[in-house]
Amino acid sequence: MNIQNIIKTVSEKTIRYNNTCRELLTDRQFLARLLKGFVPEFRDLEIEYIANECIEPAAIVPSSIPVERNLTNIVGSDTADTSLNEGTVYYDILFSAVYPEKGRPGSARIRQRADKKIGLIINIEMQNDINPGYPLEKRGVYYAARRLTAQLGTLSSNTSYEGLQKVYSIWLCIGDKIPRNERNTATMYTLKEIQLIGDVHKEPERYDLLSVIMLKISDQQPTDDPTLELFAKFFSKKLSKDEKIEYFEKTGIYTADMKEGVETMCNLGEGLVIESYYDGVEKGKAEGRAEKAFDTLISLVRKGLLSVSDAAEEAEVTEEEFMQKMNTESLAAVKP
């Protein structure tokens, strides 16, 4: 098997890895901590209350609802986009949640079992590429806006806007390319009342219907925030399966139902290391830097991700020449 075939296998693993992460993230314990940590309506509620009372039963939907693109297609969440030459884009995770009426931000107190509860729609997205070629914030606003408009069905003169529920689109940005000053940060973009002339104030529920939350999650530097730390551990490819399980148990999250998912995620995550090294090989060749490409192949062999014969074939040298090079040079890129 040459390196191209290996990468094809890894690409398939990447899809399985992402799907496994999404499935794990739909666990109420993870969702409850995410809501409490970053959604103001849940900030003063207990985690167990959020998990058991606020997240709608059987409402969590991973990767099955499309992001409609055409205004003419706004007839509900089951409608797929039929735009020519465009693939359907699906939300990673989409679910409904409720909070006690007196749990609204700014309330004098929290009554956790209030008779009346307010509905919200929560969208969660995993984003591996922090610089996809456009502002992620705009995409987040678009995703949230589509879920807002989809609540109404086909618009007409009889359309009632009274029942619109607020939409949160929460983006979990991960990977090694997050700028240092943005690592382990949380930023919310929302609608605010601004007085231009006069002094007119309305209740936020009249207009505050859309918020985008960007979380820049990194295990490359520590954080004091427990929720960011939790998700940094969750997405870390540095931690072993046992280390993750130990951390989840310590935080009271891990259950027997999670075991298979955590094991699958960790096993697949190990293989994904190849992608970054393969990029080094290809970039080194493209830029005429044979040494960089060779060093990357050596690193793959030392990590047990590539055989000597496949590496030598990719480097266009004999196995003996490759071994000699590997034994006589120290590779700074290889971490102990």
Protein backbone atom coordinates (compact mmCIF):
# COMPACT_ATOMS: atom_id res chain seq x y z
CA MET A 1 0.00 0.00 0.00
CA ASN A 2 1.48 3.38 -1.00
CA ILE A 3 0.96 6.60 0.87
CA GLN A 4 -1.90 7.76 -1.38
CA ASN A 5 -3.89 4.65 -0.51
CA ILE A 6 -3.11 5.16 3.15
CA ILE A 7 -4.43 8.71 2.99
CA LYS A 8 -7.58 7.49 1.24
CA THR A 9 -8.12 5.17 4.18
CA VAL A 10 -7.49 8.01 6.61
CA SER A 11 -10.00 10.21 4.78
CA GLU A 12 -12.60 7.53 5.37
CA LYS A 13 -11.54 7.43 9.01
CA THR A 14 -11.93 11.19 9.20
CA ILE A 15 -15.58 10.90 8.26
CA ARG A 16 -16.10 8.17 10.83
CA TYR A 17 -14.20 10.20 13.43
CA ASN A 18 -16.37 13.28 12.85
CA ASN A 19 -19.54 11.20 12.96
CA THR A 20 -18.43 9.57 16.21
CA CYS A 21 -17.67 12.96 17.76
CA ARG A 22 -21.12 14.21 16.77
CA GLU A 23 -22.79 11.17 18.27
CA LEU A 24 -20.90 11.61 21.54
CA LEU A 25 -21.70 15.31 21.66
CA THR A 26 -25.42 14.53 21.59
CA ASP A 27 -25.10 13.05 25.07
CA ARG A 28 -27.10 15.24 27.45
CA GLN A 29 -24.19 15.58 29.86
CA PHE A 30 -22.06 17.29 27.21
CA LEU A 31 -24.94 19.39 25.90
CA ALA A 32 -25.97 20.51 29.39
CA ARG A 33 -22.47 21.74 30.18
CA LEU A 34 -22.25 23.54 26.85
CA LEU A 35 -25.58 25.30 27.48
CA LYS A 36 -24.73 26.24 31.05
CA GLY A 37 -21.29 27.48 30.13
CA PHE A 38 -22.17 29.71 27.19
CA VAL A 39 -25.93 30.22 26.71
CA PRO A 40 -27.09 33.01 29.08
CA GLU A 41 -30.58 31.55 29.60
CA PHE A 42 -29.06 28.48 31.30
CA ARG A 43 -26.22 30.10 33.19
CA ASP A 44 -27.90 29.97 36.62
CA LEU A 45 -29.48 26.53 36.26
CA GLU A 46 -28.03 23.30 37.60
CA ILE A 47 -26.40 20.96 35.10
CA GLU A 48 -28.62 18.00 36.00
CA TYR A 49 -31.72 20.15 35.71
CA ILE A 50 -30.65 21.32 32.26
CA ALA A 51 -29.89 17.74 31.18
CA ASN A 52 -33.14 16.25 32.45
CA GLU A 53 -35.66 19.09 32.19
CA CYS A 54 -34.45 21.56 29.56
CA ILE A 55 -33.31 19.43 26.64
CA GLU A 56 -36.40 18.21 24.85
CA PRO A 57 -36.89 14.40 24.88
CA ALA A 58 -35.88 12.73 21.61
CA ALA A 59 -35.12 16.16 20.16
CA ILE A 60 -31.42 15.75 19.47
CA VAL A 61 -30.77 15.29 15.75
CA PRO A 62 -27.20 14.72 14.48
CA SER A 63 -26.56 15.28 10.77
CA SER A 64 -30.05 14.72 9.37
CA ILE A 65 -31.54 18.17 8.80
CA PRO A 66 -30.39 20.20 5.81
CA VAL A 67 -29.49 23.89 5.75
CA GLU A 68 -31.96 25.19 3.16
CA ARG A 69 -30.39 27.68 0.77
CA ASN A 70 -33.28 29.01 -1.30
CA LEU A 71 -35.92 31.31 0.18
CA THR A 72 -38.51 29.52 -1.95
CA ASN A 73 -37.70 26.31 -0.11
CA ILE A 74 -38.66 27.52 3.37
CA VAL A 75 -41.38 25.00 4.12
CA GLY A 76 -39.95 23.28 7.16
CA SER A 77 -36.93 21.45 8.50
CA ASP A 78 -37.51 18.35 6.37
CA THR A 79 -36.99 20.15 3.06
CA ALA A 80 -33.68 19.46 1.31
CA ASP A 81 -32.00 22.09 -0.82
CA THR A 82 -32.52 21.40 -4.52
CA SER A 83 -30.18 24.08 -5.89
CA LEU A 84 -28.43 22.95 -9.07
CA ASN A 85 -24.69 22.22 -8.76
CA GLU A 86 -24.77 22.54 -4.97
CA GLY A 87 -24.63 19.70 -2.48
CA THR A 88 -26.93 19.56 0.49
CA VAL A 89 -25.39 20.94 3.68
CA TYR A 90 -26.54 19.42 6.95
CA TYR A 91 -26.49 20.78 10.47
CA ASP A 92 -24.12 18.82 12.68
CA ILE A 93 -26.44 18.81 15.69
CA LEU A 94 -29.86 20.41 16.05
CA PHE A 95 -32.21 20.17 19.01
CA SER A 96 -34.91 22.00 20.96
CA ALA A 97 -34.48 23.21 24.52
CA VAL A 98 -36.61 25.06 27.04
CA TYR A 99 -35.85 27.21 30.06
CA PRO A 100 -38.04 28.52 32.90
CA GLU A 101 -39.60 31.88 32.13
CA LYS A 102 -37.89 33.36 35.16
CA GLY A 103 -34.60 31.96 33.94
CA ARG A 104 -34.31 34.72 31.38
CA PRO A 105 -31.04 36.71 31.75
CA GLY A 106 -31.57 39.66 34.06
CA SER A 107 -34.23 37.97 36.19
CA ALA A 108 -34.24 38.72 39.90
CA ARG A 109 -34.18 35.02 40.73
CA ILE A 110 -34.38 31.60 39.15
CA ARG A 111 -37.35 29.32 39.71
CA GLN A 112 -36.18 26.10 38.14
CA ARG A 113 -39.61 24.48 37.90
CA ALA A 114 -41.62 27.42 36.69
CA ASP A 115 -44.93 26.49 35.08
CA LYS A 116 -44.17 28.37 31.89
CA LYS A 117 -41.09 27.53 29.86
CA ILE A 118 -39.59 29.36 26.88
CA GLY A 119 -38.44 27.41 23.83
CA LEU A 120 -35.09 27.72 22.07
CA ILE A 121 -33.53 26.05 19.04
CA ILE A 122 -29.90 25.04 19.44
CA ASN A 123 -27.56 24.28 16.55
CA ILE A 124 -24.05 22.98 17.25
CA GLU A 125 -21.36 22.81 14.58
CA MET A 126 -17.87 21.30 14.65
CA GLN A 127 -15.38 23.24 12.55
CA ASN A 128 -11.89 21.87 11.87
CA ASP A 129 -10.80 24.62 9.48
CA ILE A 130 -10.57 28.00 11.19
CA ASN A 131 -9.79 29.75 7.88
CA PRO A 132 -12.07 28.20 5.23
CA GLY A 133 -11.77 31.18 2.88
CA TYR A 134 -14.67 33.18 4.31
CA PRO A 135 -15.64 34.53 7.75
CA LEU A 136 -17.06 31.74 9.89
CA GLU A 137 -19.13 34.34 11.73
CA LYS A 138 -21.12 34.99 8.54
CA ARG A 139 -21.76 31.29 8.08
CA GLY A 140 -22.91 31.05 11.68
CA VAL A 141 -25.37 33.91 11.18
CA TYR A 142 -26.65 32.23 8.00
CA TYR A 143 -27.18 28.88 9.73
CA ALA A 144 -29.06 30.54 12.60
CA ALA A 145 -31.14 32.69 10.25
CA ARG A 146 -32.22 29.64 8.24
CA ARG A 147 -33.51 27.92 11.37
CA LEU A 148 -35.30 31.11 12.37
CA THR A 149 -37.11 31.50 9.05
CA ALA A 150 -37.80 27.76 8.72
CA GLN A 151 -40.06 27.98 11.77
CA LEU A 152 -42.65 29.93 9.79
CA GLY A 153 -43.19 27.66 6.81
CA THR A 154 -44.34 29.41 3.64
CA LEU A 155 -44.71 33.14 4.28
CA SER A 156 -48.07 34.80 3.61
CA SER A 157 -50.19 37.74 4.77
CA ASN A 158 -51.50 35.48 7.54
CA THR A 159 -48.07 34.54 8.87
CA SER A 160 -47.79 35.00 12.65
CA TYR A 161 -44.40 35.90 14.06
CA GLU A 162 -45.51 35.57 17.66
CA GLY A 163 -44.33 31.98 18.05
CA LEU A 164 -40.77 32.45 16.75
CA GLN A 165 -38.23 30.84 19.04
CA LYS A 166 -34.74 32.18 19.50
CA VAL A 167 -31.97 30.30 17.68
CA TYR A 168 -28.44 29.76 18.97
CA SER A 169 -25.78 28.55 16.55
CA ILE A 170 -22.77 27.35 18.57
CA TRP A 171 -19.53 26.68 16.72
CA LEU A 172 -16.85 24.43 18.22
CA CYS A 173 -13.73 25.52 16.34
CA ILE A 174 -10.88 23.06 16.80
CA GLY A 175 -7.51 22.21 15.28
CA ASP A 176 -3.92 23.41 15.39
CA LYS A 177 -4.38 26.51 13.23
CA ILE A 178 -6.23 28.64 15.78
CA PRO A 179 -4.19 31.85 16.33
CA ARG A 180 -2.49 31.97 19.71
CA ASN A 181 -4.48 34.99 20.89
CA GLU A 182 -7.77 33.29 19.99
CA ARG A 183 -7.15 29.93 21.65
CA ASN A 184 -9.66 28.98 24.34
CA THR A 185 -11.88 32.00 23.81
CA ALA A 186 -15.66 32.31 23.62
CA THR A 187 -17.37 35.11 21.67
CA MET A 188 -21.08 35.79 21.18
CA TYR A 189 -22.60 37.75 18.31
CA THR A 190 -26.18 38.77 18.97
CA LEU A 191 -28.91 41.36 18.36
CA LYS A 192 -28.85 44.42 20.62
CA GLU A 193 -31.14 47.38 21.16
CA ILE A 194 -29.43 50.68 20.27
CA GLN A 195 -31.09 54.06 20.87
CA LEU A 196 -30.63 56.35 17.86
CA ILE A 197 -33.17 59.06 18.69
CA GLY A 198 -35.18 59.15 21.88
CA ASP A 199 -35.23 56.55 24.64
CA VAL A 200 -37.49 53.61 23.72
CA HIS A 201 -36.88 50.25 25.39
CA LYS A 202 -38.51 46.92 24.54
CA GLU A 203 -38.21 43.49 26.11
CA PRO A 204 -35.33 41.51 24.56
CA GLU A 205 -37.66 38.64 23.64
CA ARG A 206 -39.26 40.93 21.06
CA TYR A 207 -36.11 41.13 18.94
CA ASP A 208 -33.32 39.02 20.45
CA LEU A 209 -33.98 35.98 18.26
CA LEU A 210 -30.57 35.05 16.90
CA SER A 211 -27.15 34.55 18.45
CA VAL A 212 -23.94 32.98 17.18
CA ILE A 213 -21.36 31.69 19.67
CA MET A 214 -17.82 30.98 18.50
CA LEU A 215 -15.70 28.77 20.75
CA LYS A 216 -12.02 28.50 19.78
CA ILE A 217 -10.99 25.27 21.48
CA SER A 218 -7.33 24.27 21.83
CA ASP A 219 -5.35 21.82 23.92
CA GLN A 220 -2.12 23.67 23.06
CA GLN A 221 -2.43 25.99 26.03
CA PRO A 222 -4.29 25.74 29.37
CA THR A 223 -7.55 27.47 30.20
CA ASP A 224 -9.22 28.37 33.48
CA ASP A 225 -12.70 27.83 32.08
CA PRO A 226 -13.95 24.32 32.99
CA THR A 227 -16.24 24.01 29.96
CA LEU A 228 -13.54 24.99 27.46
CA GLU A 229 -11.17 22.61 29.24
CA LEU A 230 -13.73 19.81 28.94
CA PHE A 231 -14.05 20.22 25.19
CA ALA A 232 -10.31 20.70 24.73
CA LYS A 233 -9.87 17.28 26.35
CA PHE A 234 -12.75 15.89 24.28
CA PHE A 235 -11.20 16.88 20.95
CA SER A 236 -7.55 16.37 21.93
CA LYS A 237 -5.59 13.93 19.79
CA LYS A 238 -2.76 13.99 22.33
CA LEU A 239 -4.65 12.23 25.11
CA SER A 240 -5.01 8.47 25.10
CA LYS A 241 -8.31 6.69 25.48
CA ASP A 242 -7.59 5.92 29.12
CA GLU A 243 -6.64 9.53 29.87
CA LYS A 244 -9.88 10.81 28.35
CA ILE A 245 -12.00 8.28 30.18
CA GLU A 246 -10.26 9.13 33.46
CA TYR A 247 -10.94 12.84 32.91
CA PHE A 248 -14.59 12.27 31.98
CA GLU A 249 -15.07 10.08 35.05
CA LYS A 250 -13.50 12.74 37.25
CA THR A 251 -15.89 15.38 35.92
CA GLY A 252 -18.89 13.10 36.39
CA ILE A 253 -19.67 12.78 32.69
CA TYR A 254 -18.51 9.32 31.70
CA THR A 255 -21.07 6.53 31.57
CA ALA A 256 -20.96 2.95 30.33
CA ASP A 257 -23.00 4.03 27.30
CA MET A 258 -20.13 6.29 26.22
CA LYS A 259 -17.44 3.62 26.34
CA GLU A 260 -17.72 2.36 22.78
CA GLY A 261 -17.95 5.87 21.34
CA VAL A 262 -14.92 7.15 23.27
CA GLU A 263 -12.86 4.12 22.25
CA THR A 264 -13.83 4.52 18.59
CA MET A 265 -13.09 8.24 18.63
CA CYS A 266 -9.63 7.74 20.18
CA ASN A 267 -8.69 4.89 17.87
CA LEU A 268 -9.70 6.83 14.77
CA GLY A 269 -8.05 10.00 16.06
CA GLU A 270 -4.66 8.29 16.17
CA GLY A 271 -4.83 7.57 12.45
CA LEU A 272 -5.69 11.14 11.56
CA VAL A 273 -2.19 12.24 12.51
CA ILE A 274 -1.15 11.04 9.06
CA GLU A 275 -2.98 13.86 7.32
CA SER A 276 -0.78 16.61 8.71
CA TYR A 277 2.37 14.65 7.92
CA TYR A 278 1.17 13.90 4.41
CA ASP A 279 0.67 17.63 3.89
CA GLY A 280 4.33 18.04 4.79
CA VAL A 281 5.37 15.49 2.18
CA GLU A 282 3.32 17.08 -0.58
CA LYS A 283 4.32 20.65 0.31
CA GLY A 284 7.96 19.67 0.50
CA LYS A 285 7.80 18.13 -2.97
CA ALA A 286 5.87 21.05 -4.45
CA GLU A 287 8.33 23.56 -3.07
CA GLY A 288 11.34 21.55 -4.15
CA ARG A 289 12.37 20.89 -0.56
CA ALA A 290 13.32 17.26 -0.69
CA GLU A 291 14.70 17.30 2.84
CA LYS A 292 11.37 18.36 4.33
CA ALA A 293 9.50 15.66 2.44
CA PHE A 294 12.07 13.06 3.46
CA ASP A 295 11.94 14.14 7.11
CA THR A 296 8.17 13.82 7.08
CA LEU A 297 8.36 10.28 5.73
CA ILE A 298 10.88 9.40 8.43
CA SER A 299 8.50 10.76 11.04
CA LEU A 300 5.66 8.61 9.70
CA VAL A 301 7.86 5.51 9.92
CA ARG A 302 9.05 6.30 13.45
CA LYS A 303 5.47 6.74 14.60
CA GLY A 304 4.53 3.36 13.12
CA LEU A 305 2.15 4.94 10.60
CA LEU A 306 4.08 3.93 7.48
CA SER A 307 6.28 0.98 6.58
CA VAL A 308 9.90 1.45 5.51
CA SER A 309 9.16 -0.06 2.10
CA ASP A 310 6.25 2.32 1.43
CA ALA A 311 8.27 5.31 2.66
CA ALA A 312 11.24 4.37 0.49
CA GLU A 313 8.97 3.96 -2.53
CA GLU A 314 7.45 7.40 -1.91
CA ALA A 315 10.93 8.93 -1.52
CA GLU A 316 12.12 7.11 -4.64
CA VAL A 317 15.10 5.51 -2.89
CA THR A 318 15.96 1.96 -1.87
CA GLU A 319 14.98 0.64 1.55
CA GLU A 320 18.68 0.50 2.52
CA GLU A 321 19.18 4.15 1.57
CA PHE A 322 16.09 5.16 3.49
CA MET A 323 17.19 3.27 6.63
CA GLN A 324 20.65 4.81 6.43
CA LYS A 325 19.14 8.28 6.21
CA MET A 326 16.79 7.59 9.10
CA ASN A 327 19.54 6.22 11.32
CA THR A 328 21.99 9.05 10.72
CA GLU A 329 19.69 12.07 10.99
CA SER A 330 17.76 13.34 13.95
CA LEU A 331 14.30 14.63 13.10
CA ALA A 332 13.43 17.78 15.00
CA ALA A 333 9.76 17.44 14.05
CA VAL A 334 9.41 14.15 15.92
CA LYS A 335 8.14 14.76 19.44
CA PRO A 336 9.22 12.43 22.21
